[in-house]
């Protein structure tokens, strides 16, 4: 149920599927594509790392979105303050653009957070909405099974502003592979 203080994209998917293995990038892309009312066409000639381990760089996800008729822009928020990072995500949502973030994932199960995992495990999530008054984002996390306990207007999970900023720091190796504070904004033009 959408409250007047909620801001959500109108092109959210109808269902949120659980990823298989380490395919969070492709699974998030698939739900974004379906949210825009398009049929999903997988990539041909996947990189070996993706075929073997499921791991995708953000450029792989961008290419997948583009062959499915969507525009996306890879951007970095490294030089922004925390407030500017939050406003950047909210501005994209206000323009009806879902935002895919590369994060460090400490959520080993719904409601169970292990801080050490955030420094090790890279992951992708998609932000589909926010409530500034309650300081929460509505996200899709393809790793989580089951439904969120409670009602949310979009996505399958809620993260507070501070939780999202913490996780967006990414795992330790993101700095080495130039994925720290990286995100994709997605549009249909």
N, C-alpha and C. Protein backbone atom coordinates (compact mmCIF):
# COMPACT_ATOMS: atom_id res chain seq x y z
N UNK A 1 0.84 -1.18 0.00
CA UNK A 1 0.00 0.00 0.00
C UNK A 1 0.89 1.24 0.00
N UNK A 2 0.67 2.11 -0.96
CA UNK A 2 1.48 3.32 -1.08
C UNK A 2 0.89 4.43 -0.23
N UNK A 3 1.74 5.01 0.62
CA UNK A 3 1.36 6.16 1.44
C UNK A 3 1.72 7.43 0.68
N UNK A 4 1.14 8.55 1.07
CA UNK A 4 1.42 9.81 0.37
C UNK A 4 2.89 10.20 0.50
N UNK A 5 3.58 9.74 1.53
CA UNK A 5 5.00 10.09 1.71
C UNK A 5 5.94 9.12 0.99
N UNK A 6 5.39 8.06 0.37
CA UNK A 6 6.20 7.12 -0.39
C UNK A 6 6.46 7.65 -1.80
N UNK A 7 7.65 7.43 -2.28
CA UNK A 7 8.01 7.73 -3.66
C UNK A 7 8.50 6.42 -4.27
N UNK A 8 7.81 5.93 -5.28
CA UNK A 8 8.17 4.66 -5.90
C UNK A 8 8.12 4.79 -7.41
N UNK A 9 8.91 3.97 -8.08
CA UNK A 9 8.86 3.96 -9.54
C UNK A 9 7.59 3.25 -9.98
N UNK A 10 7.10 3.62 -11.14
CA UNK A 10 5.88 2.99 -11.64
C UNK A 10 6.19 1.73 -12.44
N UNK A 11 7.47 1.50 -12.73
CA UNK A 11 7.86 0.37 -13.55
C UNK A 11 8.52 -0.74 -12.73
N UNK A 12 7.98 -0.96 -11.57
CA UNK A 12 8.50 -2.05 -10.73
C UNK A 12 7.98 -3.39 -11.23
N UNK A 13 8.75 -4.46 -11.04
CA UNK A 13 8.29 -5.77 -11.49
C UNK A 13 7.11 -6.26 -10.66
N UNK A 14 6.37 -7.19 -11.22
CA UNK A 14 5.22 -7.77 -10.52
C UNK A 14 5.65 -8.84 -9.51
N UNK A 15 6.80 -9.47 -9.77
CA UNK A 15 7.28 -10.51 -8.87
C UNK A 15 8.78 -10.37 -8.66
N UNK A 16 9.23 -10.88 -7.54
CA UNK A 16 10.64 -10.82 -7.18
C UNK A 16 11.13 -12.25 -7.02
N UNK A 17 12.04 -12.65 -7.88
CA UNK A 17 12.51 -14.03 -7.88
C UNK A 17 13.81 -14.16 -7.11
N UNK A 18 14.04 -15.32 -6.57
CA UNK A 18 15.28 -15.60 -5.84
C UNK A 18 16.36 -15.99 -6.85
N UNK A 19 17.54 -15.47 -6.61
CA UNK A 19 18.67 -15.80 -7.49
C UNK A 19 19.10 -17.24 -7.31
N UNK A 20 19.72 -17.80 -8.33
CA UNK A 20 20.32 -19.12 -8.26
C UNK A 20 21.83 -18.93 -8.20
N UNK A 21 22.48 -19.49 -7.22
CA UNK A 21 23.92 -19.33 -7.09
C UNK A 21 24.30 -17.87 -6.88
N UNK A 22 25.31 -17.42 -7.61
CA UNK A 22 25.80 -16.05 -7.47
C UNK A 22 25.27 -15.14 -8.58
N UNK A 23 24.06 -15.35 -9.02
CA UNK A 23 23.52 -14.61 -10.17
C UNK A 23 22.71 -13.38 -9.78
N UNK A 24 23.10 -12.68 -8.73
CA UNK A 24 22.32 -11.52 -8.29
C UNK A 24 22.27 -10.43 -9.35
N UNK A 25 23.34 -10.23 -10.11
CA UNK A 25 23.34 -9.21 -11.15
C UNK A 25 22.32 -9.50 -12.23
N UNK A 26 22.37 -10.70 -12.77
CA UNK A 26 21.43 -11.08 -13.83
C UNK A 26 20.00 -11.12 -13.30
N UNK A 27 19.80 -11.59 -12.08
CA UNK A 27 18.45 -11.67 -11.52
C UNK A 27 17.86 -10.28 -11.31
N UNK A 28 18.67 -9.33 -10.81
CA UNK A 28 18.19 -7.96 -10.67
C UNK A 28 17.87 -7.36 -12.04
N UNK A 29 18.75 -7.59 -13.02
CA UNK A 29 18.51 -7.07 -14.37
C UNK A 29 17.20 -7.63 -14.94
N UNK A 30 16.97 -8.90 -14.73
CA UNK A 30 15.76 -9.55 -15.25
C UNK A 30 14.51 -8.89 -14.67
N UNK A 31 14.50 -8.61 -13.37
CA UNK A 31 13.31 -7.99 -12.77
C UNK A 31 13.16 -6.54 -13.24
N UNK A 32 14.27 -5.83 -13.45
CA UNK A 32 14.19 -4.46 -13.97
C UNK A 32 13.56 -4.50 -15.37
N UNK A 33 14.06 -5.39 -16.21
CA UNK A 33 13.57 -5.52 -17.59
C UNK A 33 12.08 -5.85 -17.60
N UNK A 34 11.67 -6.81 -16.78
CA UNK A 34 10.26 -7.19 -16.72
C UNK A 34 9.40 -6.06 -16.17
N UNK A 35 9.96 -5.26 -15.24
CA UNK A 35 9.23 -4.11 -14.71
C UNK A 35 8.92 -3.08 -15.78
N UNK A 36 9.77 -2.98 -16.78
CA UNK A 36 9.53 -2.07 -17.89
C UNK A 36 8.65 -2.72 -18.97
N UNK A 37 8.11 -3.91 -18.67
CA UNK A 37 7.17 -4.57 -19.57
C UNK A 37 7.82 -5.25 -20.77
N UNK A 38 9.07 -5.58 -20.64
CA UNK A 38 9.80 -6.23 -21.74
C UNK A 38 10.06 -7.69 -21.39
N UNK A 39 10.16 -8.53 -22.45
CA UNK A 39 10.55 -9.92 -22.19
C UNK A 39 12.06 -9.99 -22.06
N UNK A 40 12.48 -10.84 -21.17
CA UNK A 40 13.90 -10.98 -20.87
C UNK A 40 14.61 -11.83 -21.90
N UNK A 41 15.67 -11.30 -22.47
CA UNK A 41 16.54 -12.03 -23.39
C UNK A 41 17.91 -12.15 -22.73
N UNK A 42 18.38 -13.36 -22.42
CA UNK A 42 19.69 -13.50 -21.76
C UNK A 42 20.84 -13.14 -22.71
N UNK A 43 21.98 -12.87 -22.14
CA UNK A 43 23.18 -12.58 -22.92
C UNK A 43 23.69 -13.85 -23.59
N UNK A 44 24.15 -13.72 -24.80
CA UNK A 44 24.89 -14.80 -25.45
C UNK A 44 26.36 -14.55 -25.13
N UNK A 45 27.16 -15.59 -25.21
CA UNK A 45 28.60 -15.45 -24.99
C UNK A 45 28.93 -14.81 -23.64
N UNK A 46 28.41 -15.39 -22.58
CA UNK A 46 28.72 -14.89 -21.24
C UNK A 46 30.22 -15.04 -20.97
N UNK A 47 30.79 -14.10 -20.20
CA UNK A 47 32.19 -14.26 -19.82
C UNK A 47 32.37 -15.55 -19.01
N UNK A 48 33.55 -16.13 -19.07
CA UNK A 48 33.84 -17.39 -18.37
C UNK A 48 33.54 -17.28 -16.88
N UNK A 49 33.92 -16.17 -16.23
CA UNK A 49 33.68 -16.00 -14.79
C UNK A 49 32.19 -16.05 -14.47
N UNK A 50 31.37 -15.55 -15.39
CA UNK A 50 29.92 -15.59 -15.18
C UNK A 50 29.38 -17.00 -15.39
N UNK A 51 29.85 -17.67 -16.42
CA UNK A 51 29.40 -19.05 -16.66
C UNK A 51 29.80 -19.98 -15.53
N UNK A 52 31.02 -19.80 -15.00
CA UNK A 52 31.50 -20.70 -13.94
C UNK A 52 30.96 -20.35 -12.55
N UNK A 53 30.95 -19.05 -12.25
CA UNK A 53 30.64 -18.63 -10.87
C UNK A 53 29.39 -17.78 -10.74
N UNK A 54 28.86 -17.29 -11.85
CA UNK A 54 27.69 -16.41 -11.79
C UNK A 54 28.05 -14.96 -11.55
N UNK A 55 29.33 -14.67 -11.35
CA UNK A 55 29.76 -13.31 -11.01
C UNK A 55 29.73 -12.41 -12.23
N UNK A 56 29.08 -11.25 -12.09
CA UNK A 56 29.00 -10.27 -13.17
C UNK A 56 29.54 -8.93 -12.71
N UNK A 57 30.30 -8.30 -13.59
CA UNK A 57 30.67 -6.90 -13.38
C UNK A 57 29.48 -6.05 -13.76
N UNK A 58 29.47 -4.82 -13.29
CA UNK A 58 28.35 -3.93 -13.59
C UNK A 58 28.23 -3.66 -15.09
N UNK A 59 29.35 -3.72 -15.81
CA UNK A 59 29.32 -3.55 -17.27
C UNK A 59 28.56 -4.70 -17.93
N UNK A 60 28.64 -5.90 -17.37
CA UNK A 60 27.87 -7.04 -17.89
C UNK A 60 26.37 -6.79 -17.72
N UNK A 61 26.00 -6.24 -16.58
CA UNK A 61 24.59 -5.95 -16.31
C UNK A 61 24.10 -4.85 -17.24
N UNK A 62 24.93 -3.83 -17.45
CA UNK A 62 24.57 -2.75 -18.36
C UNK A 62 24.34 -3.30 -19.77
N UNK A 63 25.21 -4.18 -20.23
CA UNK A 63 25.07 -4.78 -21.56
C UNK A 63 23.78 -5.60 -21.65
N UNK A 64 23.46 -6.33 -20.58
CA UNK A 64 22.23 -7.12 -20.54
C UNK A 64 21.00 -6.22 -20.62
N UNK A 65 21.01 -5.11 -19.90
CA UNK A 65 19.89 -4.16 -19.96
C UNK A 65 19.76 -3.58 -21.36
N UNK A 66 20.88 -3.25 -21.98
CA UNK A 66 20.85 -2.63 -23.31
C UNK A 66 20.34 -3.58 -24.39
N UNK A 67 20.74 -4.86 -24.36
CA UNK A 67 20.21 -5.78 -25.38
C UNK A 67 18.72 -6.05 -25.18
N UNK A 68 18.22 -5.68 -24.00
CA UNK A 68 16.79 -5.82 -23.73
C UNK A 68 16.05 -4.49 -23.89
N UNK A 69 16.71 -3.52 -24.53
CA UNK A 69 16.03 -2.27 -24.90
C UNK A 69 15.97 -1.19 -23.85
N UNK A 70 16.79 -1.27 -22.81
CA UNK A 70 16.81 -0.24 -21.78
C UNK A 70 18.12 0.53 -21.81
N UNK A 71 18.04 1.79 -21.41
CA UNK A 71 19.25 2.61 -21.29
C UNK A 71 19.69 2.60 -19.83
N UNK A 72 20.98 2.59 -19.62
CA UNK A 72 21.49 2.67 -18.25
C UNK A 72 22.81 3.42 -18.27
N UNK A 73 23.10 4.01 -17.15
CA UNK A 73 24.34 4.78 -17.01
C UNK A 73 25.07 4.30 -15.77
N UNK A 74 26.34 3.92 -15.96
CA UNK A 74 27.18 3.57 -14.81
C UNK A 74 27.71 4.86 -14.21
N UNK A 75 27.53 4.98 -12.91
CA UNK A 75 27.96 6.20 -12.23
C UNK A 75 28.65 5.85 -10.92
N UNK A 76 29.47 6.77 -10.46
CA UNK A 76 30.18 6.61 -9.18
C UNK A 76 29.76 7.72 -8.23
N UNK A 77 29.57 7.36 -6.97
CA UNK A 77 29.19 8.33 -5.95
C UNK A 77 30.29 8.47 -4.90
N UNK A 78 31.49 8.04 -5.23
CA UNK A 78 32.60 8.01 -4.27
C UNK A 78 32.89 9.38 -3.66
N UNK A 79 32.83 10.42 -4.47
CA UNK A 79 33.20 11.76 -3.99
C UNK A 79 32.05 12.49 -3.30
N UNK A 80 30.89 11.89 -3.26
CA UNK A 80 29.72 12.54 -2.66
C UNK A 80 29.66 12.32 -1.15
N UNK A 81 29.06 13.26 -0.45
CA UNK A 81 28.80 13.07 0.98
C UNK A 81 27.67 12.06 1.13
N UNK A 82 27.46 11.58 2.34
CA UNK A 82 26.36 10.63 2.56
C UNK A 82 25.01 11.25 2.17
N UNK A 83 24.80 12.50 2.53
CA UNK A 83 23.55 13.17 2.17
C UNK A 83 23.37 13.28 0.66
N UNK A 84 24.45 13.58 -0.05
CA UNK A 84 24.39 13.67 -1.50
C UNK A 84 24.14 12.30 -2.13
N UNK A 85 24.71 11.25 -1.55
CA UNK A 85 24.45 9.89 -2.05
C UNK A 85 22.97 9.55 -1.92
N UNK A 86 22.39 9.85 -0.77
CA UNK A 86 20.97 9.57 -0.56
C UNK A 86 20.11 10.38 -1.54
N UNK A 87 20.43 11.67 -1.69
CA UNK A 87 19.67 12.51 -2.62
C UNK A 87 19.80 12.03 -4.06
N UNK A 88 20.97 11.54 -4.42
CA UNK A 88 21.18 11.03 -5.78
C UNK A 88 20.24 9.86 -6.06
N UNK A 89 20.17 8.91 -5.13
CA UNK A 89 19.26 7.77 -5.31
C UNK A 89 17.82 8.25 -5.38
N UNK A 90 17.43 9.13 -4.47
CA UNK A 90 16.06 9.63 -4.45
C UNK A 90 15.72 10.39 -5.73
N UNK A 91 16.67 11.17 -6.26
CA UNK A 91 16.42 11.90 -7.50
C UNK A 91 16.15 10.95 -8.66
N UNK A 92 16.88 9.84 -8.72
CA UNK A 92 16.62 8.85 -9.78
C UNK A 92 15.23 8.23 -9.61
N UNK A 93 14.87 7.90 -8.39
CA UNK A 93 13.53 7.34 -8.14
C UNK A 93 12.46 8.35 -8.54
N UNK A 94 12.67 9.63 -8.21
CA UNK A 94 11.72 10.68 -8.59
C UNK A 94 11.58 10.79 -10.11
N UNK A 95 12.62 10.42 -10.86
CA UNK A 95 12.57 10.44 -12.33
C UNK A 95 12.09 9.09 -12.89
N UNK A 96 11.60 8.24 -12.01
CA UNK A 96 11.06 6.93 -12.39
C UNK A 96 12.15 5.99 -12.92
N UNK A 97 13.35 6.09 -12.34
CA UNK A 97 14.49 5.27 -12.75
C UNK A 97 14.92 4.37 -11.59
N UNK A 98 14.71 3.05 -11.70
CA UNK A 98 15.24 2.16 -10.66
C UNK A 98 16.76 2.30 -10.61
N UNK A 99 17.33 2.04 -9.45
CA UNK A 99 18.77 2.20 -9.26
C UNK A 99 19.35 0.88 -8.76
N UNK A 100 20.27 0.31 -9.54
CA UNK A 100 20.95 -0.91 -9.15
C UNK A 100 22.25 -0.52 -8.46
N UNK A 101 22.46 -1.03 -7.25
CA UNK A 101 23.65 -0.70 -6.46
C UNK A 101 24.52 -1.93 -6.27
N UNK A 102 25.83 -1.74 -6.34
CA UNK A 102 26.80 -2.79 -5.97
C UNK A 102 27.13 -2.57 -4.50
N UNK A 103 26.81 -3.55 -3.67
CA UNK A 103 26.96 -3.39 -2.22
C UNK A 103 27.80 -4.52 -1.62
N UNK A 104 28.12 -4.36 -0.37
CA UNK A 104 28.66 -5.45 0.43
C UNK A 104 27.49 -6.06 1.18
N UNK A 105 27.33 -7.37 1.09
CA UNK A 105 26.13 -8.01 1.64
C UNK A 105 26.41 -8.71 2.96
N UNK A 106 25.89 -8.15 4.02
CA UNK A 106 26.00 -8.77 5.32
C UNK A 106 24.77 -9.56 5.71
N UNK A 107 23.73 -9.53 4.88
CA UNK A 107 22.49 -10.25 5.20
C UNK A 107 22.60 -11.68 4.72
N UNK A 108 22.87 -12.57 5.65
CA UNK A 108 23.00 -13.98 5.28
C UNK A 108 21.62 -14.64 5.18
N UNK A 109 20.64 -14.07 5.82
CA UNK A 109 19.24 -14.46 5.75
C UNK A 109 18.41 -13.26 6.12
N UNK A 110 17.15 -13.28 5.76
CA UNK A 110 16.28 -12.14 6.10
C UNK A 110 16.33 -11.89 7.61
N UNK A 111 16.66 -10.65 7.96
CA UNK A 111 16.69 -10.26 9.37
C UNK A 111 17.95 -10.66 10.12
N UNK A 112 18.86 -11.39 9.48
CA UNK A 112 20.10 -11.81 10.14
C UNK A 112 21.27 -11.15 9.44
N UNK A 113 21.92 -10.24 10.14
CA UNK A 113 23.02 -9.48 9.57
C UNK A 113 24.33 -9.90 10.24
N UNK A 114 25.32 -10.17 9.41
CA UNK A 114 26.64 -10.55 9.89
C UNK A 114 27.62 -9.53 9.32
N UNK A 115 28.11 -8.64 10.15
CA UNK A 115 28.93 -7.52 9.67
C UNK A 115 30.18 -7.95 8.93
N UNK A 116 30.80 -9.06 9.33
CA UNK A 116 32.01 -9.52 8.65
C UNK A 116 31.72 -9.88 7.18
N UNK A 117 30.55 -10.42 6.91
CA UNK A 117 30.20 -10.81 5.54
C UNK A 117 30.19 -9.61 4.60
N UNK A 118 29.81 -8.44 5.10
CA UNK A 118 29.77 -7.24 4.25
C UNK A 118 31.14 -6.91 3.68
N UNK A 119 32.18 -7.23 4.38
CA UNK A 119 33.54 -6.95 3.92
C UNK A 119 34.04 -7.97 2.90
N UNK A 120 33.31 -9.07 2.76
CA UNK A 120 33.75 -10.17 1.90
C UNK A 120 32.84 -10.36 0.69
N UNK A 121 31.54 -10.27 0.90
CA UNK A 121 30.56 -10.65 -0.13
C UNK A 121 30.04 -9.46 -0.92
N UNK A 122 30.36 -9.43 -2.22
CA UNK A 122 29.78 -8.44 -3.12
C UNK A 122 28.39 -8.88 -3.54
N UNK A 123 27.53 -7.92 -3.83
CA UNK A 123 26.14 -8.24 -4.13
C UNK A 123 25.52 -7.06 -4.88
N UNK A 124 24.44 -7.32 -5.61
CA UNK A 124 23.66 -6.27 -6.26
C UNK A 124 22.26 -6.26 -5.70
N UNK A 125 21.74 -5.06 -5.49
CA UNK A 125 20.33 -4.87 -5.11
C UNK A 125 19.78 -3.76 -6.01
N UNK A 126 18.46 -3.66 -6.07
CA UNK A 126 17.83 -2.58 -6.83
C UNK A 126 16.93 -1.78 -5.90
N UNK A 127 17.06 -0.46 -5.96
CA UNK A 127 16.21 0.44 -5.19
C UNK A 127 15.05 0.86 -6.09
N UNK A 128 13.82 0.64 -5.59
CA UNK A 128 12.62 0.96 -6.35
C UNK A 128 11.79 2.07 -5.71
N UNK A 129 12.16 2.50 -4.52
CA UNK A 129 11.38 3.55 -3.87
C UNK A 129 12.00 3.96 -2.55
N UNK A 130 11.38 4.97 -1.96
CA UNK A 130 11.86 5.45 -0.66
C UNK A 130 10.75 6.18 0.08
N UNK A 131 10.94 6.35 1.36
CA UNK A 131 10.09 7.18 2.19
C UNK A 131 11.03 8.05 3.01
N UNK A 132 11.13 9.30 2.61
CA UNK A 132 12.08 10.23 3.25
C UNK A 132 11.71 10.47 4.71
N UNK A 133 10.44 10.57 4.98
CA UNK A 133 9.94 10.80 6.33
C UNK A 133 10.39 9.70 7.29
N UNK A 134 10.31 8.44 6.85
CA UNK A 134 10.70 7.30 7.68
C UNK A 134 12.16 6.89 7.48
N UNK A 135 12.85 7.57 6.54
CA UNK A 135 14.26 7.31 6.22
C UNK A 135 14.50 5.83 5.85
N UNK A 136 13.70 5.38 4.89
CA UNK A 136 13.84 4.00 4.41
C UNK A 136 13.82 3.95 2.89
N UNK A 137 14.49 2.94 2.36
CA UNK A 137 14.43 2.63 0.93
C UNK A 137 13.69 1.32 0.77
N UNK A 138 12.94 1.21 -0.33
CA UNK A 138 12.28 -0.03 -0.71
C UNK A 138 13.16 -0.68 -1.77
N UNK A 139 13.65 -1.86 -1.47
CA UNK A 139 14.61 -2.50 -2.36
C UNK A 139 14.16 -3.90 -2.76
N UNK A 140 14.79 -4.38 -3.80
CA UNK A 140 14.68 -5.78 -4.20
C UNK A 140 16.04 -6.41 -3.94
N UNK A 141 16.05 -7.43 -3.10
CA UNK A 141 17.26 -8.19 -2.79
C UNK A 141 17.01 -9.63 -3.23
N UNK A 142 17.67 -10.03 -4.31
CA UNK A 142 17.40 -11.34 -4.91
C UNK A 142 17.91 -12.50 -4.07
N UNK A 143 18.68 -12.21 -3.04
CA UNK A 143 19.21 -13.28 -2.20
C UNK A 143 18.19 -13.75 -1.15
N UNK A 144 17.25 -12.88 -0.81
CA UNK A 144 16.30 -13.18 0.27
C UNK A 144 15.16 -14.07 -0.20
N UNK A 145 14.86 -15.04 0.62
CA UNK A 145 13.72 -15.92 0.34
C UNK A 145 12.51 -15.43 1.11
N UNK A 146 11.36 -15.73 0.59
CA UNK A 146 10.13 -15.40 1.29
C UNK A 146 9.76 -13.94 1.16
N UNK A 147 8.67 -13.58 1.81
CA UNK A 147 8.15 -12.22 1.72
C UNK A 147 8.53 -11.42 2.95
N UNK A 148 8.61 -10.13 2.77
CA UNK A 148 8.83 -9.20 3.86
C UNK A 148 7.63 -9.28 4.80
N UNK A 149 7.89 -9.31 6.09
CA UNK A 149 6.78 -9.37 7.05
C UNK A 149 6.25 -7.96 7.27
N UNK A 150 5.14 -7.70 6.69
CA UNK A 150 4.56 -6.37 6.71
C UNK A 150 4.26 -5.95 5.29
N UNK A 151 3.70 -4.78 5.16
CA UNK A 151 3.31 -4.31 3.85
C UNK A 151 4.28 -3.25 3.37
N UNK A 152 4.78 -3.44 2.17
CA UNK A 152 5.62 -2.42 1.54
C UNK A 152 5.11 -2.21 0.12
N UNK A 153 5.24 -0.99 -0.40
CA UNK A 153 4.64 -0.71 -1.71
C UNK A 153 5.39 -1.29 -2.89
N UNK A 154 6.68 -1.59 -2.74
CA UNK A 154 7.47 -2.07 -3.86
C UNK A 154 8.71 -2.77 -3.33
N UNK A 155 9.21 -3.76 -4.07
CA UNK A 155 10.39 -4.49 -3.63
C UNK A 155 10.03 -5.62 -2.69
N UNK A 156 11.08 -6.23 -2.12
CA UNK A 156 10.84 -7.34 -1.18
C UNK A 156 11.53 -7.11 0.16
N UNK A 157 12.04 -5.89 0.37
CA UNK A 157 12.76 -5.62 1.62
C UNK A 157 12.87 -4.11 1.84
N UNK A 158 13.09 -3.74 3.07
CA UNK A 158 13.30 -2.34 3.46
C UNK A 158 14.71 -2.23 4.02
N UNK A 159 15.39 -1.16 3.67
CA UNK A 159 16.67 -0.81 4.30
C UNK A 159 16.59 0.64 4.74
N UNK A 160 17.05 0.91 5.94
CA UNK A 160 17.10 2.30 6.40
C UNK A 160 18.18 3.03 5.60
N UNK A 161 18.12 4.34 5.63
CA UNK A 161 19.14 5.13 4.94
C UNK A 161 20.53 4.74 5.43
N UNK A 162 20.69 4.61 6.75
CA UNK A 162 22.02 4.30 7.30
C UNK A 162 22.47 2.88 6.93
N UNK A 163 21.55 1.92 6.89
CA UNK A 163 21.91 0.56 6.48
C UNK A 163 22.38 0.54 5.02
N UNK A 164 21.67 1.28 4.16
CA UNK A 164 22.05 1.29 2.76
C UNK A 164 23.42 1.95 2.58
N UNK A 165 23.66 3.05 3.27
CA UNK A 165 24.96 3.71 3.17
C UNK A 165 26.08 2.80 3.67
N UNK A 166 25.82 2.09 4.74
CA UNK A 166 26.82 1.15 5.29
C UNK A 166 27.15 0.07 4.26
N UNK A 167 26.13 -0.53 3.68
CA UNK A 167 26.34 -1.63 2.74
C UNK A 167 26.92 -1.15 1.41
N UNK A 168 26.61 0.09 1.03
CA UNK A 168 27.09 0.63 -0.23
C UNK A 168 28.61 0.87 -0.20
N UNK A 169 29.20 0.81 0.97
CA UNK A 169 30.67 0.87 1.06
C UNK A 169 31.28 -0.30 0.30
N UNK A 170 30.54 -1.41 0.25
CA UNK A 170 30.99 -2.58 -0.49
C UNK A 170 32.02 -3.39 0.27
N UNK A 171 32.33 -4.56 -0.26
CA UNK A 171 33.38 -5.38 0.34
C UNK A 171 34.76 -4.75 0.08
N UNK A 172 35.74 -5.26 0.74
CA UNK A 172 37.09 -4.71 0.67
C UNK A 172 37.61 -4.65 -0.77
N UNK A 173 37.37 -5.67 -1.55
CA UNK A 173 37.94 -5.74 -2.90
C UNK A 173 37.27 -4.81 -3.91
N UNK A 174 36.12 -4.20 -3.59
CA UNK A 174 35.46 -3.30 -4.54
C UNK A 174 36.36 -2.12 -4.92
N UNK A 175 37.14 -1.64 -3.98
CA UNK A 175 38.04 -0.52 -4.30
C UNK A 175 39.07 -0.96 -5.35
N UNK A 176 39.55 -2.17 -5.23
CA UNK A 176 40.55 -2.68 -6.18
C UNK A 176 40.00 -2.86 -7.59
N UNK A 177 38.74 -3.25 -7.70
CA UNK A 177 38.16 -3.48 -9.03
C UNK A 177 37.27 -2.32 -9.47
N UNK A 178 37.43 -1.18 -8.82
CA UNK A 178 36.73 0.07 -9.18
C UNK A 178 35.20 -0.07 -9.16
N UNK A 179 34.70 -0.70 -8.11
CA UNK A 179 33.26 -0.83 -7.95
C UNK A 179 32.75 -0.17 -6.67
N UNK A 180 33.60 0.56 -5.96
CA UNK A 180 33.18 1.22 -4.73
C UNK A 180 32.22 2.37 -5.07
N UNK A 181 31.08 2.37 -4.42
CA UNK A 181 30.03 3.38 -4.61
C UNK A 181 29.59 3.49 -6.06
N UNK A 182 29.51 2.36 -6.74
CA UNK A 182 29.07 2.35 -8.13
C UNK A 182 27.58 2.03 -8.18
N UNK A 183 26.92 2.57 -9.20
CA UNK A 183 25.51 2.27 -9.39
C UNK A 183 25.11 2.46 -10.84
N UNK A 184 23.99 1.87 -11.18
CA UNK A 184 23.38 2.00 -12.51
C UNK A 184 22.01 2.64 -12.35
N UNK A 185 21.75 3.70 -13.07
CA UNK A 185 20.39 4.22 -13.15
C UNK A 185 19.82 3.73 -14.49
N UNK A 186 18.56 3.32 -14.48
CA UNK A 186 17.99 2.65 -15.64
C UNK A 186 16.75 3.41 -16.12
N UNK A 187 16.66 3.60 -17.44
CA UNK A 187 15.49 4.25 -18.02
C UNK A 187 15.09 3.54 -19.31
N UNK A 188 13.94 3.90 -19.81
CA UNK A 188 13.37 3.26 -21.00
C UNK A 188 13.61 4.09 -22.25
N UNK A 189 14.56 5.00 -22.21
CA UNK A 189 14.81 5.82 -23.41
C UNK A 189 16.27 5.89 -23.73
